[in-house]
Amino acid sequence: MSITADSNALLPDLVALRRKLHAAPEVGLQLPKTQATVLAELEGLGLEITTGTATTSIVAVLRGAHEGPTVLLRGDMDGLPVREETGLPFASTNGAMHACGHDLHTSGLVGAVRLLAARRDELHGSVIFMFQPGEEGYGGAKIMIDEGVLDAAGTRPVAAYGIHVIPGPNGVFSMRSGPAMASSSTLRIRMVGEGGHGSQPSSAFDPVPALTETVSALQSMVTRRFSVFDPVVLTVTQLSAGEAINVIPDSASLGATVRALSDEALETLAIETERIASGIASAHRCRAEVRFETIYPVTANDPGTTAAAMMTLSDTFGPGRVETMAVPRMGSEDFSFVLHEVPGTFIFLQTTPRELDSTTVAYNHSPRVLFDDSVLGDQAAALAALALSHLAAPAI
């Protein structure tokens, strides 16, 4: 049977698993119930399984019957601290939600494990299955790398793949070479002056106008220091100063989220934000404390791996099911840590229920986002097909 026929046969079990996970999401790095559920699904498949020490991660290695390279497949498992409002019969009621589709990612990866385990005799090499906690801002991928996930099979992967569900025309896979998702950084600036009475600003060094001037200067910096072909997004989301309306405070602070699509842009951002804040602070006889921290690097797809992945998925599902992303997404993803170590491709699978308009539905992280779990068979088949494309018998 074909891999898609086999995956369709698995679909009822994968849907049931997804809905079980969806009803009981866990947040962060410690997902004990999710880990136990996944471990139960992997029993009896002849895998070498290890669990994390700093997290409730799972690393499962499938060794083929023949020698060959290693491929890594990843699924993230954590939810978000979002109160669900979908009205689904299997909706979460514990105050958290799988609002980014990680329940599908986990279930689809379980399906890929089963498909590949059934083909062990055909495999020329090994597969590392990376079940990851803490993608949503906790850096779980980096922790798993530090604990050895990339070396779990004894040889480093020649390719790594992950699939992420998003709203869009149902069942369509999309990807692009090079930057696919932005880096994510935080910027915090504290202007330190000398407070005083609100009626006598001349007797104080007021940090508030220094801070507001900095907000405007940061926006000008983005448009003047960065090429439109290497874009940067800097959004100030937090402002704080004094509490009493008639008191000039000693300090005022801002927080911003920053996205970029190249390491060069990130380096320039760190330098320029410090320069601008310090210059404005000096002009106002204040002092600037600047903290620029990169949380996730750019998610950059390897061109060769991506071209091969597009061909593999087109052969598996038909060319009408695969498209090239026109532009990167400015969200971020910690699979970027894996792609900084080994070549690979991060792929999007569009999963809006067919009865809904994909252009108007709620997006990832919304309490009302809906994903169609009928795609789980294809998600599992896609991951398995990508692994098989590297582990098939060598041509004679």
Protein backbone atom coordinates (compact mmCIF):
# COMPACT_ATOMS: atom_id res chain seq x y z
CA MET A 1 0.00 0.00 0.00
CA SER A 2 1.07 3.62 -0.55
CA ILE A 3 2.08 5.79 2.34
CA THR A 4 -1.03 7.94 1.90
CA ALA A 5 -3.29 4.88 1.97
CA ASP A 6 -1.60 3.71 5.15
CA SER A 7 -1.89 7.17 6.71
CA ASN A 8 -5.58 7.37 5.86
CA ALA A 9 -6.06 4.09 7.69
CA LEU A 10 -4.44 5.69 10.74
CA LEU A 11 -6.59 8.82 10.57
CA PRO A 12 -9.32 7.81 13.08
CA ASP A 13 -6.69 6.99 15.72
CA LEU A 14 -4.81 10.23 15.06
CA VAL A 15 -7.97 12.31 15.31
CA ALA A 16 -8.83 10.63 18.61
CA LEU A 17 -5.31 11.34 19.91
CA ARG A 18 -5.45 14.97 18.80
CA ARG A 19 -8.78 15.53 20.54
CA LYS A 20 -7.53 13.91 23.74
CA LEU A 21 -4.51 16.22 23.72
CA HIS A 22 -6.64 19.23 22.82
CA ALA A 23 -8.92 18.69 25.81
CA ALA A 24 -6.02 18.68 28.29
CA PRO A 25 -3.32 21.16 27.19
CA GLU A 26 -0.26 21.91 29.30
CA VAL A 27 1.92 25.02 29.13
CA GLY A 28 5.67 25.47 29.21
CA LEU A 29 8.48 22.99 29.71
CA GLN A 30 6.75 20.59 32.09
CA LEU A 31 4.01 18.61 30.32
CA PRO A 32 3.74 15.39 32.36
CA LYS A 33 0.27 14.32 31.16
CA THR A 34 1.11 15.03 27.53
CA GLN A 35 4.39 13.14 27.86
CA ALA A 36 2.62 10.13 29.37
CA THR A 37 0.03 10.13 26.58
CA VAL A 38 2.70 10.21 23.86
CA LEU A 39 4.83 7.55 25.53
CA ALA A 40 1.80 5.24 25.61
CA GLU A 41 1.32 5.82 21.88
CA LEU A 42 4.94 4.83 21.17
CA GLU A 43 4.90 1.55 23.08
CA GLY A 44 5.65 -1.59 21.13
CA LEU A 45 7.13 0.15 18.09
CA GLY A 46 10.73 -0.93 18.69
CA LEU A 47 12.06 2.56 19.41
CA GLU A 48 15.00 3.72 21.50
CA ILE A 49 13.31 6.24 23.81
CA THR A 50 14.85 8.77 26.16
CA THR A 51 13.14 11.52 28.12
CA GLY A 52 14.49 14.92 29.05
CA THR A 53 15.88 15.97 32.41
CA ALA A 54 15.25 19.73 32.23
CA THR A 55 11.94 19.23 30.41
CA THR A 56 9.36 16.51 29.76
CA SER A 57 10.72 16.03 26.24
CA ILE A 58 10.73 12.72 24.39
CA VAL A 59 13.39 11.59 21.92
CA ALA A 60 12.59 8.40 20.03
CA VAL A 61 15.06 6.81 17.61
CA LEU A 62 13.96 4.38 14.92
CA ARG A 63 16.82 2.41 13.41
CA GLY A 64 16.30 1.05 9.94
CA ALA A 65 17.33 -2.43 8.86
CA HIS A 66 20.22 -0.99 6.83
CA GLU A 67 23.03 1.47 7.51
CA GLY A 68 22.61 5.02 6.32
CA PRO A 69 22.15 8.64 7.35
CA THR A 70 19.92 10.13 10.03
CA VAL A 71 16.86 12.34 9.57
CA LEU A 72 15.10 14.33 12.32
CA LEU A 73 11.34 14.96 12.49
CA ARG A 74 9.95 17.34 15.09
CA GLY A 75 6.60 18.01 16.73
CA ASP A 76 6.04 20.51 19.53
CA MET A 77 3.65 19.58 22.36
CA ASP A 78 2.89 22.65 24.51
CA GLY A 79 -0.22 24.79 24.66
CA LEU A 80 -0.81 28.45 25.49
CA PRO A 81 -2.24 30.26 28.52
CA VAL A 82 -5.37 31.11 26.54
CA ARG A 83 -8.94 30.41 27.68
CA GLU A 84 -10.62 28.52 24.83
CA GLU A 85 -13.75 29.96 23.17
CA THR A 86 -14.26 27.57 20.23
CA GLY A 87 -17.30 25.75 21.59
CA LEU A 88 -15.89 22.44 20.34
CA PRO A 89 -17.18 19.33 22.12
CA PHE A 90 -13.57 18.47 23.03
CA ALA A 91 -12.58 22.04 24.01
CA SER A 92 -10.21 22.58 26.89
CA THR A 93 -11.71 23.63 30.21
CA ASN A 94 -8.51 24.00 32.25
CA GLY A 95 -7.74 27.62 31.28
CA ALA A 96 -5.08 26.71 28.70
CA MET A 97 -5.55 25.97 25.00
CA HIS A 98 -3.84 24.37 22.03
CA ALA A 99 -4.35 27.65 20.17
CA CYS A 100 -1.33 27.15 17.92
CA GLY A 101 -2.08 23.62 16.75
CA HIS A 102 0.62 21.79 18.67
CA ASP A 103 -1.90 19.03 19.41
CA LEU A 104 -1.97 18.38 15.65
CA HIS A 105 1.82 18.57 15.44
CA THR A 106 2.20 15.94 18.15
CA SER A 107 -0.46 13.65 16.71
CA GLY A 108 0.92 13.96 13.19
CA LEU A 109 4.39 13.02 14.41
CA VAL A 110 2.99 9.96 16.21
CA GLY A 111 1.44 8.99 12.88
CA ALA A 112 4.80 9.39 11.13
CA VAL A 113 6.42 7.15 13.76
CA ARG A 114 3.90 4.41 13.02
CA LEU A 115 4.24 4.72 9.25
CA LEU A 116 8.03 4.55 9.37
CA ALA A 117 8.16 1.79 11.99
CA ALA A 118 6.04 -0.34 9.64
CA ARG A 119 8.69 0.28 6.95
CA ARG A 120 11.73 -0.41 9.10
CA ASP A 121 12.99 -3.07 6.70
CA GLU A 122 13.09 -0.49 3.89
CA LEU A 123 15.00 2.16 5.83
CA HIS A 124 18.66 2.79 5.06
CA GLY A 125 19.43 4.85 8.15
CA SER A 126 17.75 6.17 11.27
CA VAL A 127 15.02 8.65 12.23
CA ILE A 128 15.06 10.86 15.32
CA PHE A 129 11.56 11.83 16.46
CA MET A 130 11.74 15.03 18.52
CA PHE A 131 8.69 15.55 20.76
CA GLN A 132 9.34 18.99 22.19
CA PRO A 133 7.87 20.95 25.11
CA GLY A 134 8.20 24.70 25.57
CA GLU A 135 8.09 26.10 22.04
CA GLU A 136 5.91 29.05 23.05
CA GLY A 137 8.62 31.32 24.40
CA TYR A 138 10.49 28.81 26.57
CA GLY A 139 13.21 27.75 24.14
CA GLY A 140 12.45 24.06 24.44
CA ALA A 141 14.28 23.20 21.22
CA LYS A 142 17.48 24.79 22.50
CA ILE A 143 17.21 22.81 25.74
CA MET A 144 16.71 19.56 23.81
CA ILE A 145 19.75 20.35 21.65
CA ASP A 146 21.82 20.95 24.77
CA GLU A 147 20.63 17.57 26.07
CA GLY A 148 21.76 15.83 22.88
CA VAL A 149 18.73 15.36 20.63
CA LEU A 150 20.79 15.95 17.48
CA ASP A 151 23.21 13.17 18.42
CA ALA A 152 20.61 10.69 19.69
CA ALA A 153 21.13 8.29 16.77
CA GLY A 154 24.92 8.44 16.90
CA THR A 155 25.26 10.55 13.76
CA ARG A 156 23.97 14.06 13.23
CA PRO A 157 20.93 14.44 10.96
CA VAL A 158 21.52 15.18 7.31
CA ALA A 159 18.10 16.87 7.28
CA ALA A 160 15.48 18.07 9.77
CA TYR A 161 11.80 18.76 9.14
CA GLY A 162 8.92 20.27 11.04
CA ILE A 163 5.34 21.00 9.97
CA HIS A 164 3.22 23.80 11.45
CA VAL A 165 -0.53 24.17 10.93
CA ILE A 166 -2.00 27.55 10.01
CA PRO A 167 -5.31 28.83 8.62
CA GLY A 168 -5.61 28.71 4.84
CA PRO A 169 -6.94 26.60 1.97
CA ASN A 170 -7.34 23.16 3.49
CA GLY A 171 -4.60 20.62 2.83
CA VAL A 172 -2.11 22.91 1.06
CA PHE A 173 1.57 22.71 2.05
CA SER A 174 3.68 25.88 1.74
CA MET A 175 7.36 26.64 2.23
CA ARG A 176 10.20 28.79 0.93
CA SER A 177 14.00 28.71 0.77
CA GLY A 178 15.95 31.02 3.03
CA PRO A 179 14.24 33.00 5.80
CA ALA A 180 10.81 31.51 6.47
CA MET A 181 10.11 33.13 9.84
CA ALA A 182 11.59 36.08 11.67
CA SER A 183 13.79 36.17 14.71
CA SER A 184 12.16 37.31 17.93
CA SER A 185 13.90 39.78 20.25
CA THR A 186 12.88 41.94 23.17
CA LEU A 187 13.99 45.53 23.67
CA ARG A 188 13.76 47.22 27.08
CA ILE A 189 14.87 50.81 27.65
CA ARG A 190 14.86 52.58 31.00
CA MET A 191 15.44 56.32 31.02
CA VAL A 192 16.88 57.44 34.33
CA GLY A 193 16.64 61.12 35.21
CA GLU A 194 15.98 63.12 38.35
CA GLY A 195 12.40 63.62 39.44
CA GLY A 196 10.71 66.62 40.92
CA HIS A 197 7.51 68.60 41.20
CA GLY A 198 5.30 68.55 38.13
CA SER A 199 4.94 72.33 38.31
CA GLN A 200 8.71 72.89 38.07
CA PRO A 201 10.13 70.75 35.23
CA SER A 202 13.12 73.07 34.96
CA SER A 203 14.34 71.86 38.32
CA ALA A 204 14.26 68.19 37.26
CA PHE A 205 15.76 66.00 34.55
CA ASP A 206 12.52 64.61 33.19
CA PRO A 207 12.83 61.06 31.73
CA VAL A 208 9.31 61.06 30.25
CA PRO A 209 9.94 63.30 27.19
CA ALA A 210 13.25 61.50 26.68
CA LEU A 211 11.38 58.21 26.53
CA THR A 212 8.60 59.43 24.22
CA GLU A 213 11.18 60.95 21.90
CA THR A 214 12.94 57.58 21.85
CA VAL A 215 9.73 55.83 20.75
CA SER A 216 9.50 58.09 17.69
CA ALA A 217 13.21 57.78 16.95
CA LEU A 218 13.02 53.99 17.01
CA GLN A 219 10.32 54.03 14.34
CA SER A 220 12.40 56.38 12.18
CA MET A 221 15.43 54.11 12.67
CA VAL A 222 13.54 51.14 11.21
CA THR A 223 12.69 53.05 8.03
CA ARG A 224 16.08 54.75 7.62
CA ARG A 225 18.64 52.17 8.72
CA PHE A 226 17.18 49.00 7.20
CA SER A 227 16.53 47.99 3.62
CA VAL A 228 12.95 47.21 2.62
CA PHE A 229 14.40 43.97 1.23
CA ASP A 230 15.69 42.96 4.68
CA PRO A 231 12.77 44.16 6.78
CA VAL A 232 12.58 44.80 10.50
CA VAL A 233 9.49 45.17 12.68
CA LEU A 234 9.85 47.06 15.96
CA THR A 235 6.65 47.48 17.96
CA VAL A 236 6.60 49.30 21.29
CA THR A 237 4.03 47.49 23.41
CA GLN A 238 4.76 48.77 26.92
CA LEU A 239 5.24 52.25 28.41
CA SER A 240 5.52 53.00 32.12
CA ALA A 241 6.44 56.02 34.19
CA GLY A 242 5.29 57.64 37.44
CA GLU A 243 2.14 57.03 39.45
CA ALA A 244 1.30 60.47 40.90
CA ILE A 245 0.02 62.94 38.31
CA ASN A 246 1.82 65.91 39.84
CA VAL A 247 5.21 64.21 40.23
CA ILE A 248 7.99 63.99 37.65
CA PRO A 249 9.34 60.44 38.11
CA ASP A 250 12.96 59.48 38.43
CA SER A 251 12.66 56.98 35.57
CA ALA A 252 10.46 55.87 32.69
CA SER A 253 10.58 52.62 30.73
CA LEU A 254 9.47 51.01 27.50
CA GLY A 255 9.25 47.46 26.20
CA ALA A 256 9.16 46.43 22.56
CA THR A 257 9.06 43.28 20.47
CA VAL A 258 11.49 43.21 17.55
CA ARG A 259 11.44 40.94 14.48
CA ALA A 260 14.13 40.59 11.80
CA LEU A 261 14.90 38.29 8.88
CA SER A 262 18.70 38.22 8.97
CA ASP A 263 21.49 37.93 11.50
CA GLU A 264 23.03 41.09 10.03
CA ALA A 265 19.86 43.06 10.77
CA LEU A 266 19.84 41.72 14.33
CA GLU A 267 23.41 42.88 14.92
CA THR A 268 22.61 46.33 13.56
CA LEU A 269 19.49 46.56 15.71
CA ALA A 270 21.41 45.88 18.90
CA ILE A 271 23.94 48.60 18.07
CA GLU A 272 21.47 51.21 16.82
CA THR A 273 18.97 50.95 19.65
CA GLU A 274 21.76 51.53 22.16
CA ARG A 275 23.11 54.48 20.18
CA ILE A 276 19.72 56.16 19.75
CA ALA A 277 18.60 55.72 23.34
CA SER A 278 21.92 56.92 24.76
CA GLY A 279 22.01 59.94 22.46
CA ILE A 280 18.49 61.06 23.33
CA ALA A 281 19.10 60.45 27.02
CA SER A 282 22.22 62.62 26.91
CA ALA A 283 20.32 65.44 25.22
CA HIS A 284 17.82 65.39 28.10
CA ARG A 285 20.53 65.06 30.78
CA CYS A 286 19.32 61.55 31.53
CA ARG A 287 20.92 58.12 31.35
CA ALA A 288 19.67 55.21 29.21
CA GLU A 289 19.77 51.59 30.32
CA VAL A 290 19.22 49.40 27.25
CA ARG A 291 18.66 45.65 27.18
CA PHE A 292 18.34 43.95 23.78
CA GLU A 293 17.84 40.19 23.96
CA THR A 294 17.28 37.75 21.10
CA ILE A 295 14.89 34.97 22.13
CA TYR A 296 14.68 32.98 18.86
CA PRO A 297 16.94 33.38 15.82
CA VAL A 298 15.72 33.56 12.23
CA THR A 299 14.09 30.36 10.96
CA ALA A 300 16.07 29.83 7.75
CA ASN A 301 15.30 26.92 5.41
CA ASP A 302 18.14 25.23 3.54
CA PRO A 303 17.66 25.82 -0.21
CA GLY A 304 18.62 22.30 -1.31
CA THR A 305 16.53 20.57 1.33
CA THR A 306 13.57 22.82 0.58
CA ALA A 307 13.67 22.19 -3.17
CA ALA A 308 13.81 18.44 -2.52
CA ALA A 309 10.96 18.68 0.01
CA MET A 310 8.74 20.47 -2.50
CA MET A 311 9.40 17.71 -5.01
CA THR A 312 8.73 14.95 -2.48
CA LEU A 313 5.43 16.45 -1.34
CA SER A 314 4.36 17.17 -4.91
CA ASP A 315 5.04 13.53 -5.83
CA THR A 316 3.15 12.34 -2.74
CA PHE A 317 0.07 14.58 -2.88
CA GLY A 318 0.13 16.20 -6.33
CA PRO A 319 1.60 19.57 -7.37
CA GLY A 320 -1.66 21.38 -6.64
CA ARG A 321 -1.16 20.70 -2.93
CA VAL A 322 2.25 22.39 -2.67
CA GLU A 323 3.05 26.08 -3.04
CA THR A 324 5.96 28.46 -2.52
CA MET A 325 5.49 31.13 0.13
CA ALA A 326 5.79 34.56 -1.45
CA VAL A 327 7.21 36.20 1.67
CA PRO A 328 8.44 35.09 5.09
CA ARG A 329 6.19 35.20 8.14
CA MET A 330 7.15 37.72 10.80
CA GLY A 331 6.24 35.35 13.64
CA SER A 332 9.04 33.30 15.17
CA GLU A 333 9.68 29.63 15.90
CA ASP A 334 12.26 27.82 18.01
CA PHE A 335 12.80 25.13 15.37
CA SER A 336 15.20 27.85 14.22
CA PHE A 337 17.70 26.49 16.75
CA VAL A 338 17.65 23.12 14.97
CA LEU A 339 18.02 24.73 11.54
CA HIS A 340 21.06 26.66 12.78
CA GLU A 341 22.74 23.31 13.46
CA VAL A 342 21.62 21.08 10.56
CA PRO A 343 20.08 21.71 7.12
CA GLY A 344 16.34 21.37 6.99
CA THR A 345 12.97 22.85 6.14
CA PHE A 346 10.08 24.23 8.16
CA ILE A 347 6.79 23.66 6.33
CA PHE A 348 3.31 25.12 6.81
CA LEU A 349 0.15 23.05 6.38
CA GLN A 350 -3.06 25.01 5.89
CA THR A 351 -5.93 23.53 7.86
CA THR A 352 -9.02 25.77 7.87
CA PRO A 353 -12.18 23.63 8.01
CA ARG A 354 -13.60 23.46 4.50
CA GLU A 355 -16.94 24.98 5.47
CA LEU A 356 -15.24 28.19 6.67
CA ASP A 357 -13.73 31.12 4.76
CA SER A 358 -9.97 30.83 5.30
CA THR A 359 -9.52 34.59 4.72
CA THR A 360 -11.69 35.63 7.66
CA VAL A 361 -11.21 32.91 10.30
CA ALA A 362 -9.37 33.48 13.57
CA TYR A 363 -5.59 33.03 13.41
CA ASN A 364 -3.16 31.04 15.56
CA HIS A 365 -3.13 32.08 19.25
CA SER A 366 -6.74 33.25 19.12
CA PRO A 367 -9.14 31.65 21.64
CA ARG A 368 -11.44 31.01 18.67
CA VAL A 369 -8.98 29.48 16.17
CA LEU A 370 -10.14 26.25 14.53
CA PHE A 371 -7.99 23.58 12.86
CA ASP A 372 -9.35 20.70 10.76
CA ASP A 373 -7.91 17.46 12.11
CA SER A 374 -8.89 15.58 8.95
CA VAL A 375 -5.45 16.70 7.66
CA LEU A 376 -3.65 14.53 10.22
CA GLY A 377 -3.28 11.60 7.86
CA ASP A 378 -1.62 13.80 5.26
CA GLN A 379 0.55 15.47 7.91
CA ALA A 380 1.82 12.08 9.07
CA ALA A 381 2.35 10.92 5.48
CA ALA A 382 4.24 14.11 4.61
CA LEU A 383 6.67 13.72 7.50
CA ALA A 384 7.20 10.05 6.74
CA ALA A 385 7.69 10.72 3.02
CA LEU A 386 10.30 13.39 3.76
CA ALA A 387 12.24 10.93 5.92
CA LEU A 388 11.95 8.20 3.33
CA SER A 389 13.29 10.52 0.63
CA HIS A 390 16.65 10.42 2.46
CA LEU A 391 16.54 6.82 3.67
CA ALA A 392 15.46 4.91 0.56
CA ALA A 393 17.68 2.23 -0.87
CA PRO A 394 20.63 3.83 -2.72
CA ALA A 395 20.47 3.67 -6.50
CA ILE A 396 22.61 0.96 -8.06
